[in-house]
Amino acid sequence: MVRLWLIVAVAAVAFTVYAVIDCATMPRQRVRSLRRGWWILLVLVLPVLGGLLWFVLGRAPATPGPAPRYRGPEDDPDFLGGPRGTGTLRTGTDQDDATLRDLEDQFRDDQLRDERRDRDERDDDRPADR
């Protein structure tokens, strides 16, 4: 029976300490009903009951706003040096398609240049009829 009372006492102290720390670190906008100092005093004077009152009546719920999201440099068009002032953002797929088209055009131009050079070399190797 003594162990049970010891466990209950330790739990009550831990709950009270947690409630005091929570109350002390809560932003001013989320403290309701009383001032923060009065809530801390209430939690300390009435250990378990004060903590329960703090969690039920003293804390305002967090406002569900948009959470700040990490945005890496590859997601920032200014960092990438993308087009400015166009008003349209290019997605990764659009950029990949444009790069692929450029590479295909370069390949086609290189093939045409090689064919012309081969044809010119064959024409130079042919003996003149006159």
C-alpha atoms as a PDB file:
ATOM      1  CA  MET A   1       0.000   0.000   0.000  1.00  0.00           C
ATOM      2  CA  VAL A   2       2.905   2.326   0.711  1.00  0.00           C
ATOM      3  CA  ARG A   3       4.284   1.726  -2.789  1.00  0.00           C
ATOM      4  CA  LEU A   4       0.958   2.728  -4.312  1.00  0.00           C
ATOM      5  CA  TRP A   5       0.892   6.001  -2.345  1.00  0.00           C
ATOM      6  CA  LEU A   6       4.501   6.664  -3.306  1.00  0.00           C
ATOM      7  CA  ILE A   7       3.698   6.109  -6.991  1.00  0.00           C
ATOM      8  CA  VAL A   8       0.640   8.401  -6.741  1.00  0.00           C
ATOM      9  CA  ALA A   9       2.707  11.113  -5.027  1.00  0.00           C
ATOM     10  CA  VAL A  10       5.466  10.933  -7.667  1.00  0.00           C
ATOM     11  CA  ALA A  11       2.854  11.079 -10.447  1.00  0.00           C
ATOM     12  CA  ALA A  12       1.172  14.107  -8.796  1.00  0.00           C
ATOM     13  CA  VAL A  13       4.513  15.939  -8.485  1.00  0.00           C
ATOM     14  CA  ALA A  14       5.433  15.119 -12.093  1.00  0.00           C
ATOM     15  CA  PHE A  15       2.027  16.303 -13.332  1.00  0.00           C
ATOM     16  CA  THR A  16       2.330  19.526 -11.332  1.00  0.00           C
ATOM     17  CA  VAL A  17       5.823  20.240 -12.628  1.00  0.00           C
ATOM     18  CA  TYR A  18       4.652  19.576 -16.183  1.00  0.00           C
ATOM     19  CA  ALA A  19       1.651  21.885 -15.732  1.00  0.00           C
ATOM     20  CA  VAL A  20       3.822  24.688 -14.297  1.00  0.00           C
ATOM     21  CA  ILE A  21       6.346  24.410 -17.140  1.00  0.00           C
ATOM     22  CA  ASP A  22       3.554  24.302 -19.720  1.00  0.00           C
ATOM     23  CA  CYS A  23       1.905  27.350 -18.201  1.00  0.00           C
ATOM     24  CA  ALA A  24       5.181  29.279 -17.962  1.00  0.00           C
ATOM     25  CA  THR A  25       6.175  28.609 -21.571  1.00  0.00           C
ATOM     26  CA  MET A  26       2.753  29.089 -23.175  1.00  0.00           C
ATOM     27  CA  PRO A  27       2.513  32.138 -25.491  1.00  0.00           C
ATOM     28  CA  ARG A  28       0.452  34.993 -24.105  1.00  0.00           C
ATOM     29  CA  GLN A  29      -2.168  34.652 -26.856  1.00  0.00           C
ATOM     30  CA  ARG A  30      -3.031  31.117 -25.730  1.00  0.00           C
ATOM     31  CA  VAL A  31      -3.540  31.856 -21.998  1.00  0.00           C
ATOM     32  CA  ARG A  32      -7.230  32.218 -21.110  1.00  0.00           C
ATOM     33  CA  SER A  33      -9.272  33.313 -18.087  1.00  0.00           C
ATOM     34  CA  LEU A  34      -6.461  34.485 -15.770  1.00  0.00           C
ATOM     35  CA  ARG A  35      -3.002  35.929 -16.133  1.00  0.00           C
ATOM     36  CA  ARG A  36      -0.097  33.543 -16.431  1.00  0.00           C
ATOM     37  CA  GLY A  37       1.204  34.341 -12.922  1.00  0.00           C
ATOM     38  CA  TRP A  38      -2.171  33.542 -11.355  1.00  0.00           C
ATOM     39  CA  TRP A  39      -2.320  30.240 -13.232  1.00  0.00           C
ATOM     40  CA  ILE A  40       1.149  29.247 -12.000  1.00  0.00           C
ATOM     41  CA  LEU A  41       0.166  30.152  -8.435  1.00  0.00           C
ATOM     42  CA  LEU A  42      -3.075  28.162  -8.752  1.00  0.00           C
ATOM     43  CA  VAL A  43      -1.218  25.105 -10.097  1.00  0.00           C
ATOM     44  CA  LEU A  44       1.313  25.274  -7.242  1.00  0.00           C
ATOM     45  CA  VAL A  45      -1.282  25.816  -4.475  1.00  0.00           C
ATOM     46  CA  LEU A  46      -3.699  23.118  -5.719  1.00  0.00           C
ATOM     47  CA  PRO A  47      -1.253  20.635  -7.284  1.00  0.00           C
ATOM     48  CA  VAL A  48      -3.433  18.166  -9.193  1.00  0.00           C
ATOM     49  CA  LEU A  49      -6.640  20.198  -9.322  1.00  0.00           C
ATOM     50  CA  GLY A  50      -4.780  23.331 -10.415  1.00  0.00           C
ATOM     51  CA  GLY A  51      -3.058  21.420 -13.211  1.00  0.00           C
ATOM     52  CA  LEU A  52      -6.360  19.992 -14.391  1.00  0.00           C
ATOM     53  CA  LEU A  53      -7.952  23.456 -14.328  1.00  0.00           C
ATOM     54  CA  TRP A  54      -5.010  24.832 -16.312  1.00  0.00           C
ATOM     55  CA  PHE A  55      -5.325  22.207 -19.030  1.00  0.00           C
ATOM     56  CA  VAL A  56      -9.132  22.476 -19.216  1.00  0.00           C
ATOM     57  CA  LEU A  57      -9.758  26.205 -18.728  1.00  0.00           C
ATOM     58  CA  GLY A  58      -6.446  28.017 -19.020  1.00  0.00           C
ATOM     59  CA  ARG A  59      -5.072  26.854 -22.338  1.00  0.00           C
ATOM     60  CA  ALA A  60      -6.602  28.132 -25.539  1.00  0.00           C
ATOM     61  CA  PRO A  61      -6.436  25.700 -28.443  1.00  0.00           C
ATOM     62  CA  ALA A  62      -3.759  26.326 -31.010  1.00  0.00           C
ATOM     63  CA  THR A  63      -4.982  28.150 -34.071  1.00  0.00           C
ATOM     64  CA  PRO A  64      -4.826  25.829 -37.064  1.00  0.00           C
ATOM     65  CA  GLY A  65      -2.837  27.935 -39.491  1.00  0.00           C
ATOM     66  CA  PRO A  66      -0.646  26.900 -42.334  1.00  0.00           C
ATOM     67  CA  ALA A  67       2.431  25.270 -40.925  1.00  0.00           C
ATOM     68  CA  PRO A  68       5.670  26.691 -42.246  1.00  0.00           C
ATOM     69  CA  ARG A  69       7.055  24.214 -44.726  1.00  0.00           C
ATOM     70  CA  TYR A  70      10.719  23.817 -45.496  1.00  0.00           C
ATOM     71  CA  ARG A  71      11.438  24.985 -48.964  1.00  0.00           C
ATOM     72  CA  GLY A  72      14.695  23.826 -50.426  1.00  0.00           C
ATOM     73  CA  PRO A  73      16.683  25.831 -52.955  1.00  0.00           C
ATOM     74  CA  GLU A  74      15.619  23.552 -55.805  1.00  0.00           C
ATOM     75  CA  ASP A  75      12.004  24.622 -55.166  1.00  0.00           C
ATOM     76  CA  ASP A  76      12.821  28.323 -55.350  1.00  0.00           C
ATOM     77  CA  PRO A  77      12.640  29.722 -58.909  1.00  0.00           C
ATOM     78  CA  ASP A  78      14.692  32.778 -57.902  1.00  0.00           C
ATOM     79  CA  PHE A  79      17.532  30.546 -56.743  1.00  0.00           C
ATOM     80  CA  LEU A  80      17.448  28.554 -59.970  1.00  0.00           C
ATOM     81  CA  GLY A  81      17.540  31.709 -62.064  1.00  0.00           C
ATOM     82  CA  GLY A  82      14.293  30.890 -63.793  1.00  0.00           C
ATOM     83  CA  PRO A  83      12.331  33.278 -65.981  1.00  0.00           C
ATOM     84  CA  ARG A  84      11.249  36.399 -64.162  1.00  0.00           C
ATOM     85  CA  GLY A  85       8.053  38.276 -64.768  1.00  0.00           C
ATOM     86  CA  THR A  86       6.489  35.712 -67.055  1.00  0.00           C
ATOM     87  CA  GLY A  87       3.829  34.851 -64.511  1.00  0.00           C
ATOM     88  CA  THR A  88       3.977  31.150 -65.304  1.00  0.00           C
ATOM     89  CA  LEU A  89       5.981  28.762 -63.240  1.00  0.00           C
ATOM     90  CA  ARG A  90       7.587  25.853 -65.016  1.00  0.00           C
ATOM     91  CA  THR A  91       7.322  22.511 -63.348  1.00  0.00           C
ATOM     92  CA  GLY A  92      10.111  19.984 -63.263  1.00  0.00           C
ATOM     93  CA  THR A  93       8.433  17.991 -66.042  1.00  0.00           C
ATOM     94  CA  ASP A  94       8.249  21.058 -68.290  1.00  0.00           C
ATOM     95  CA  GLN A  95      11.918  21.754 -67.709  1.00  0.00           C
ATOM     96  CA  ASP A  96      12.818  18.132 -68.407  1.00  0.00           C
ATOM     97  CA  ASP A  97      10.823  18.195 -71.644  1.00  0.00           C
ATOM     98  CA  ALA A  98      12.487  21.414 -72.780  1.00  0.00           C
ATOM     99  CA  THR A  99      15.942  20.034 -71.993  1.00  0.00           C
ATOM    100  CA  LEU A 100      15.156  16.827 -73.876  1.00  0.00           C
ATOM    101  CA  ARG A 101      13.956  18.808 -76.914  1.00  0.00           C
ATOM    102  CA  ASP A 102      17.151  20.907 -76.879  1.00  0.00           C
ATOM    103  CA  LEU A 103      19.311  17.799 -76.708  1.00  0.00           C
ATOM    104  CA  GLU A 104      17.386  16.163 -79.568  1.00  0.00           C
ATOM    105  CA  ASP A 105      17.825  19.303 -81.709  1.00  0.00           C
ATOM    106  CA  GLN A 106      21.559  19.361 -80.990  1.00  0.00           C
ATOM    107  CA  PHE A 107      21.841  15.668 -81.863  1.00  0.00           C
ATOM    108  CA  ARG A 108      19.946  16.184 -85.133  1.00  0.00           C
ATOM    109  CA  ASP A 109      22.151  19.176 -86.041  1.00  0.00           C
ATOM    110  CA  ASP A 110      25.309  17.176 -85.294  1.00  0.00           C
ATOM    111  CA  GLN A 111      24.091  14.300 -87.463  1.00  0.00           C
ATOM    112  CA  LEU A 112      23.337  16.653 -90.378  1.00  0.00           C
ATOM    113  CA  ARG A 113      26.738  18.315 -89.993  1.00  0.00           C
ATOM    114  CA  ASP A 114      28.473  14.903 -89.995  1.00  0.00           C
ATOM    115  CA  GLU A 115      26.543  13.786 -93.101  1.00  0.00           C
ATOM    116  CA  ARG A 116      27.495  16.968 -94.963  1.00  0.00           C
ATOM    117  CA  ARG A 117      31.139  16.578 -93.983  1.00  0.00           C
ATOM    118  CA  ASP A 118      31.160  12.928 -95.121  1.00  0.00           C
ATOM    119  CA  ARG A 119      29.521  13.900 -98.431  1.00  0.00           C
ATOM    120  CA  ASP A 120      32.049  16.713 -98.963  1.00  0.00           C
ATOM    121  CA  GLU A 121      34.951  14.358 -98.227  1.00  0.00           C
ATOM    122  CA  ARG A 122      33.611  11.835-100.751  1.00  0.00           C
ATOM    123  CA  ASP A 123      33.239  14.566-103.347  1.00  0.00           C
ATOM    124  CA  ASP A 124      36.838  15.685-102.728  1.00  0.00           C
ATOM    125  CA  ASP A 125      38.163  12.131-103.100  1.00  0.00           C
ATOM    126  CA  ARG A 126      36.452  11.660-106.507  1.00  0.00           C
ATOM    127  CA  PRO A 127      38.772  12.362-109.466  1.00  0.00           C
ATOM    128  CA  ALA A 128      37.946  15.262-111.679  1.00  0.00           C
ATOM    129  CA  ASP A 129      36.609  14.310-115.137  1.00  0.00           C
ATOM    130  CA  ARG A 130      38.168  17.205-116.942  1.00  0.00           C
END
